[in-house]
C-alpha atoms as a PDB file:
ATOM      1  CA  THR A   1       0.000   0.000   0.000  1.00  0.00           C
ATOM      2  CA  ASN A   2       3.075   2.279   0.041  1.00  0.00           C
ATOM      3  CA  ARG A   3       2.283   3.448   3.547  1.00  0.00           C
ATOM      4  CA  VAL A   4       3.522   3.250   7.124  1.00  0.00           C
ATOM      5  CA  LEU A   5       0.797   2.981   9.727  1.00  0.00           C
ATOM      6  CA  VAL A   6       1.118   4.034  13.368  1.00  0.00           C
ATOM      7  CA  VAL A   7      -1.101   1.847  15.534  1.00  0.00           C
ATOM      8  CA  ASP A   8      -2.345   2.542  19.058  1.00  0.00           C
ATOM      9  CA  SER A   9      -1.727  -0.915  20.524  1.00  0.00           C
ATOM     10  CA  VAL A  10      -4.032  -0.306  23.496  1.00  0.00           C
ATOM     11  CA  GLN A  11      -7.047   0.695  21.412  1.00  0.00           C
ATOM     12  CA  SER A  12      -6.055  -1.433  18.379  1.00  0.00           C
ATOM     13  CA  ARG A  13      -6.559   1.360  15.873  1.00  0.00           C
ATOM     14  CA  VAL A  14      -4.547   3.298  13.319  1.00  0.00           C
ATOM     15  CA  VAL A  15      -3.740   6.779  14.649  1.00  0.00           C
ATOM     16  CA  ARG A  16      -1.508   8.065  11.839  1.00  0.00           C
ATOM     17  CA  SER A  17      -0.508   7.086   8.310  1.00  0.00           C
ATOM     18  CA  PHE A  18       2.483   8.138   6.200  1.00  0.00           C
ATOM     19  CA  SER A  19       2.872   7.787   2.438  1.00  0.00           C
ATOM     20  CA  THR A  20       6.082   6.202   1.160  1.00  0.00           C
ATOM     21  CA  PRO A  21       7.610   6.293  -2.347  1.00  0.00           C
ATOM     22  CA  SER A  22       6.941   2.548  -2.783  1.00  0.00           C
ATOM     23  CA  SER A  23       6.469  -0.592  -0.704  1.00  0.00           C
ATOM     24  CA  VAL A  24       8.254  -0.775   2.646  1.00  0.00           C
ATOM     25  CA  SER A  25      10.816  -3.435   3.587  1.00  0.00           C
ATOM     26  CA  GLY A  26      12.023  -2.012   6.900  1.00  0.00           C
ATOM     27  CA  ILE A  27      11.747   0.802   9.414  1.00  0.00           C
ATOM     28  CA  ALA A  28      14.191   2.246  11.937  1.00  0.00           C
ATOM     29  CA  VAL A  29      12.869   4.738  14.493  1.00  0.00           C
ATOM     30  CA  ALA A  30      15.164   7.578  15.553  1.00  0.00           C
ATOM     31  CA  GLN A  31      15.482   8.277  19.272  1.00  0.00           C
ATOM     32  CA  GLY A  32      12.566  10.433  20.349  1.00  0.00           C
ATOM     33  CA  GLY A  33      10.444   9.112  17.487  1.00  0.00           C
ATOM     34  CA  GLY A  34      10.450  12.304  15.408  1.00  0.00           C
ATOM     35  CA  ILE A  35      12.016  10.651  12.361  1.00  0.00           C
ATOM     36  CA  ILE A  36      11.664   7.180  10.894  1.00  0.00           C
ATOM     37  CA  TRP A  37      14.017   5.743   8.302  1.00  0.00           C
ATOM     38  CA  VAL A  38      12.216   3.580   5.767  1.00  0.00           C
ATOM     39  CA  THR A  39      13.686   1.285   3.130  1.00  0.00           C
ATOM     40  CA  CYS A  40      11.753   1.010  -0.135  1.00  0.00           C
ATOM     41  CA  PRO A  41      13.166  -1.959  -2.069  1.00  0.00           C
ATOM     42  CA  ALA A  42      13.875  -2.036  -5.804  1.00  0.00           C
ATOM     43  CA  SER A  43      16.873  -2.731  -8.019  1.00  0.00           C
ATOM     44  CA  ARG A  44      17.825   0.851  -7.085  1.00  0.00           C
ATOM     45  CA  SER A  45      16.182   1.163  -3.675  1.00  0.00           C
ATOM     46  CA  ARG A  46      15.334   4.319  -1.807  1.00  0.00           C
ATOM     47  CA  VAL A  47      16.112   5.017   1.845  1.00  0.00           C
ATOM     48  CA  VAL A  48      13.904   7.825   3.112  1.00  0.00           C
ATOM     49  CA  ALA A  49      13.571   9.785   6.344  1.00  0.00           C
ATOM     50  CA  ILE A  50       9.998  10.677   7.231  1.00  0.00           C
ATOM     51  CA  ASP A  51       9.035  13.319   9.791  1.00  0.00           C
ATOM     52  CA  THR A  52       6.520  11.533  12.038  1.00  0.00           C
ATOM     53  CA  PHE A  53       4.682  14.759  12.887  1.00  0.00           C
ATOM     54  CA  SER A  54       4.138  16.179   9.398  1.00  0.00           C
ATOM     55  CA  GLY A  55       4.608  13.054   7.267  1.00  0.00           C
ATOM     56  CA  ALA A  56       7.060  14.974   5.059  1.00  0.00           C
ATOM     57  CA  ILE A  57      10.044  13.217   3.523  1.00  0.00           C
ATOM     58  CA  LYS A  58      13.121  14.910   5.021  1.00  0.00           C
ATOM     59  CA  ALA A  59      15.793  12.898   3.186  1.00  0.00           C
ATOM     60  CA  ASP A  60      15.771  10.585   0.171  1.00  0.00           C
ATOM     61  CA  LEU A  61      18.936   8.546  -0.299  1.00  0.00           C
ATOM     62  CA  GLN A  62      19.924   5.964  -2.905  1.00  0.00           C
ATOM     63  CA  GLY A  63      19.990   2.367  -1.668  1.00  0.00           C
ATOM     64  CA  GLY A  64      21.314  -0.823  -3.181  1.00  0.00           C
ATOM     65  CA  HIS A  65      19.495  -3.719  -4.799  1.00  0.00           C
ATOM     66  CA  THR A  66      16.566  -4.625  -2.537  1.00  0.00           C
ATOM     67  CA  SER A  67      17.485  -2.561   0.532  1.00  0.00           C
ATOM     68  CA  LEU A  68      15.897  -3.674   3.791  1.00  0.00           C
ATOM     69  CA  ALA A  69      16.327  -3.931   7.554  1.00  0.00           C
ATOM     70  CA  PRO A  70      17.673  -0.446   8.384  1.00  0.00           C
ATOM     71  CA  VAL A  71      19.472  -0.103  11.732  1.00  0.00           C
ATOM     72  CA  LEU A  72      20.344   3.224  13.377  1.00  0.00           C
ATOM     73  CA  SER A  73      23.445   3.674  15.504  1.00  0.00           C
ATOM     74  CA  SER A  74      22.710   4.554  19.129  1.00  0.00           C
ATOM     75  CA  ASP A  75      23.834   8.164  18.566  1.00  0.00           C
ATOM     76  CA  GLY A  76      21.562   8.442  15.508  1.00  0.00           C
ATOM     77  CA  LYS A  77      24.426   9.555  13.248  1.00  0.00           C
ATOM     78  CA  THR A  78      24.853   6.401  11.182  1.00  0.00           C
ATOM     79  CA  LEU A  79      22.373   4.187   9.372  1.00  0.00           C
ATOM     80  CA  PHE A  80      23.197   0.638   8.301  1.00  0.00           C
ATOM     81  CA  VAL A  81      21.104  -0.936   5.529  1.00  0.00           C
ATOM     82  CA  CYS A  82      21.143  -4.498   4.183  1.00  0.00           C
ATOM     83  CA  ASN A  83      21.346  -4.572   0.377  1.00  0.00           C
ATOM     84  CA  ARG A  84      20.124  -8.106  -0.187  1.00  0.00           C
ATOM     85  CA  PHE A  85      21.044  -8.769  -3.817  1.00  0.00           C
ATOM     86  CA  ASP A  86      24.215  -6.656  -3.798  1.00  0.00           C
ATOM     87  CA  GLY A  87      25.490  -8.771  -0.873  1.00  0.00           C
ATOM     88  CA  ASP A  88      26.587  -5.810   1.220  1.00  0.00           C
ATOM     89  CA  ILE A  89      25.731  -3.347   3.974  1.00  0.00           C
ATOM     90  CA  GLY A  90      25.279   0.295   3.021  1.00  0.00           C
ATOM     91  CA  VAL A  91      26.699   2.661   5.646  1.00  0.00           C
ATOM     92  CA  TYR A  92      25.160   6.147   5.670  1.00  0.00           C
ATOM     93  CA  ASP A  93      26.483   9.293   7.354  1.00  0.00           C
ATOM     94  CA  LEU A  94      23.187  10.982   8.194  1.00  0.00           C
ATOM     95  CA  ALA A  95      24.694  14.410   8.979  1.00  0.00           C
ATOM     96  CA  ALA A  96      26.311  14.469   5.518  1.00  0.00           C
ATOM     97  CA  GLY A  97      23.217  12.916   3.958  1.00  0.00           C
ATOM     98  CA  LYS A  98      25.084  10.308   1.952  1.00  0.00           C
ATOM     99  CA  GLU A  99      26.240   6.726   1.764  1.00  0.00           C
ATOM    100  CA  VAL A 100      29.901   6.583   2.804  1.00  0.00           C
ATOM    101  CA  CYS A 101      30.711   2.985   1.955  1.00  0.00           C
ATOM    102  CA  ARG A 102      29.475  -0.526   1.375  1.00  0.00           C
ATOM    103  CA  VAL A 103      30.732  -3.476   3.386  1.00  0.00           C
ATOM    104  CA  PRO A 104      30.589  -6.855   1.599  1.00  0.00           C
ATOM    105  CA  VAL A 105      29.072  -9.753   3.567  1.00  0.00           C
ATOM    106  CA  ARG A 106      28.463 -13.440   2.762  1.00  0.00           C
ATOM    107  CA  ARG A 107      25.232 -13.808   0.781  1.00  0.00           C
ATOM    108  CA  GLU A 108      21.898 -11.994   0.754  1.00  0.00           C
ATOM    109  CA  PRO A 109      21.932  -9.965   3.992  1.00  0.00           C
ATOM    110  CA  VAL A 110      18.340  -9.636   5.202  1.00  0.00           C
ATOM    111  CA  ALA A 111      18.488  -8.634   8.881  1.00  0.00           C
ATOM    112  CA  ALA A 112      20.872  -6.823  11.209  1.00  0.00           C
ATOM    113  CA  ALA A 113      21.206  -5.846  14.850  1.00  0.00           C
ATOM    114  CA  LEU A 114      23.703  -3.762  16.825  1.00  0.00           C
ATOM    115  CA  SER A 115      25.496  -5.075  19.883  1.00  0.00           C
ATOM    116  CA  ARG A 116      24.586  -3.296  23.132  1.00  0.00           C
ATOM    117  CA  ASP A 117      27.697  -1.121  22.957  1.00  0.00           C
ATOM    118  CA  GLY A 118      27.127  -0.328  19.247  1.00  0.00           C
ATOM    119  CA  ARG A 119      30.592  -1.568  18.321  1.00  0.00           C
ATOM    120  CA  LEU A 120      29.406  -4.578  16.314  1.00  0.00           C
ATOM    121  CA  LEU A 121      26.699  -5.040  13.703  1.00  0.00           C
ATOM    122  CA  LEU A 122      25.482  -8.634  13.387  1.00  0.00           C
ATOM    123  CA  VAL A 123      24.159  -9.401   9.912  1.00  0.00           C
ATOM    124  CA  ALA A 124      21.994 -12.415   9.080  1.00  0.00           C
ATOM    125  CA  ASN A 125      22.738 -13.799   5.628  1.00  0.00           C
ATOM    126  CA  TYR A 126      19.698 -15.482   4.096  1.00  0.00           C
ATOM    127  CA  LEU A 127      21.531 -18.262   2.243  1.00  0.00           C
ATOM    128  CA  HIS A 128      24.751 -20.218   2.466  1.00  0.00           C
ATOM    129  CA  ASP A 129      27.635 -19.080   0.300  1.00  0.00           C
ATOM    130  CA  GLY A 130      29.477 -21.574  -1.825  1.00  0.00           C
ATOM    131  CA  LYS A 131      29.074 -25.085  -3.120  1.00  0.00           C
ATOM    132  CA  ALA A 132      26.238 -27.307  -1.972  1.00  0.00           C
ATOM    133  CA  ASN A 133      28.194 -30.562  -2.309  1.00  0.00           C
ATOM    134  CA  VAL A 134      30.614 -30.084   0.581  1.00  0.00           C
ATOM    135  CA  ALA A 135      30.520 -31.363   4.166  1.00  0.00           C
ATOM    136  CA  ARG A 136      29.149 -28.173   5.721  1.00  0.00           C
ATOM    137  CA  VAL A 137      26.467 -26.209   3.912  1.00  0.00           C
ATOM    138  CA  GLY A 138      24.950 -23.521   6.105  1.00  0.00           C
ATOM    139  CA  ALA A 139      24.294 -19.822   6.320  1.00  0.00           C
ATOM    140  CA  ALA A 140      26.413 -17.448   8.399  1.00  0.00           C
ATOM    141  CA  VAL A 141      26.047 -14.364  10.533  1.00  0.00           C
ATOM    142  CA  SER A 142      28.586 -11.715   9.535  1.00  0.00           C
ATOM    143  CA  VAL A 143      30.087  -9.666  12.381  1.00  0.00           C
ATOM    144  CA  MET A 144      30.944  -6.139  11.288  1.00  0.00           C
ATOM    145  CA  ASP A 145      33.081  -3.653  13.228  1.00  0.00           C
ATOM    146  CA  THR A 146      31.070  -0.420  12.984  1.00  0.00           C
ATOM    147  CA  ALA A 147      34.073   1.864  13.517  1.00  0.00           C
ATOM    148  CA  ASP A 148      36.384   0.181  10.992  1.00  0.00           C
ATOM    149  CA  LYS A 149      33.494  -0.641   8.640  1.00  0.00           C
ATOM    150  CA  ARG A 150      34.659  -4.177   7.886  1.00  0.00           C
ATOM    151  CA  VAL A 151      33.658  -7.741   8.638  1.00  0.00           C
ATOM    152  CA  ILE A 152      35.841  -9.094  11.449  1.00  0.00           C
ATOM    153  CA  ASP A 153      34.249 -12.498  12.030  1.00  0.00           C
ATOM    154  CA  GLU A 154      31.613 -14.919  10.799  1.00  0.00           C
ATOM    155  CA  LEU A 155      29.420 -17.093  12.942  1.00  0.00           C
ATOM    156  CA  TRP A 156      28.605 -20.230  10.971  1.00  0.00           C
ATOM    157  CA  LEU A 157      25.177 -21.677  11.550  1.00  0.00           C
ATOM    158  CA  PRO A 158      24.634 -25.467  11.599  1.00  0.00           C
ATOM    159  CA  SER A 159      24.897 -27.393   8.349  1.00  0.00           C
ATOM    160  CA  GLY A 160      21.568 -27.313   6.531  1.00  0.00           C
ATOM    161  CA  SER A 161      20.649 -23.876   7.818  1.00  0.00           C
ATOM    162  CA  GLY A 162      19.347 -21.322   5.378  1.00  0.00           C
ATOM    163  CA  SER A 163      16.415 -19.008   4.803  1.00  0.00           C
ATOM    164  CA  VAL A 164      17.619 -16.963   7.764  1.00  0.00           C
ATOM    165  CA  ASN A 165      15.063 -14.170   8.200  1.00  0.00           C
ATOM    166  CA  GLY A 166      15.911 -12.432  11.469  1.00  0.00           C
ATOM    167  CA  ILE A 167      18.488 -11.828  14.118  1.00  0.00           C
END
């Protein structure tokens, strides 16, 4: 429907609605709730900031192929976005209003979460990477250092794992 709905969970009703440029694949809420970052997937996705009071689009950034699962840093200065079919994480400097780099991960990143201290971004890769006729065939969680903007470790899931959808 190309919309974000705000629902009053106590009264089970929609209290606000925001238009988006296209369908929505993920939302990150800025501290205080005044801005939401929304990923709108496509071969050239859009990553938009929406003012939750007016509904106006405050920023419209270029994403990768099928951007989803945006994650805001705890200080609200950096946004991390999974680019599923590019196989990387887009890193955005929100003060500068631009993507500063892309960090390659295993295969089809679809979900991400920050560690409590914000130093690490854990990225769930949807599928295994490599041949299917070897002893261990399983997906992995990429561990990215947010300061150095690089993958520093991989947590291999059990053989046979795949279709990883969350973290």
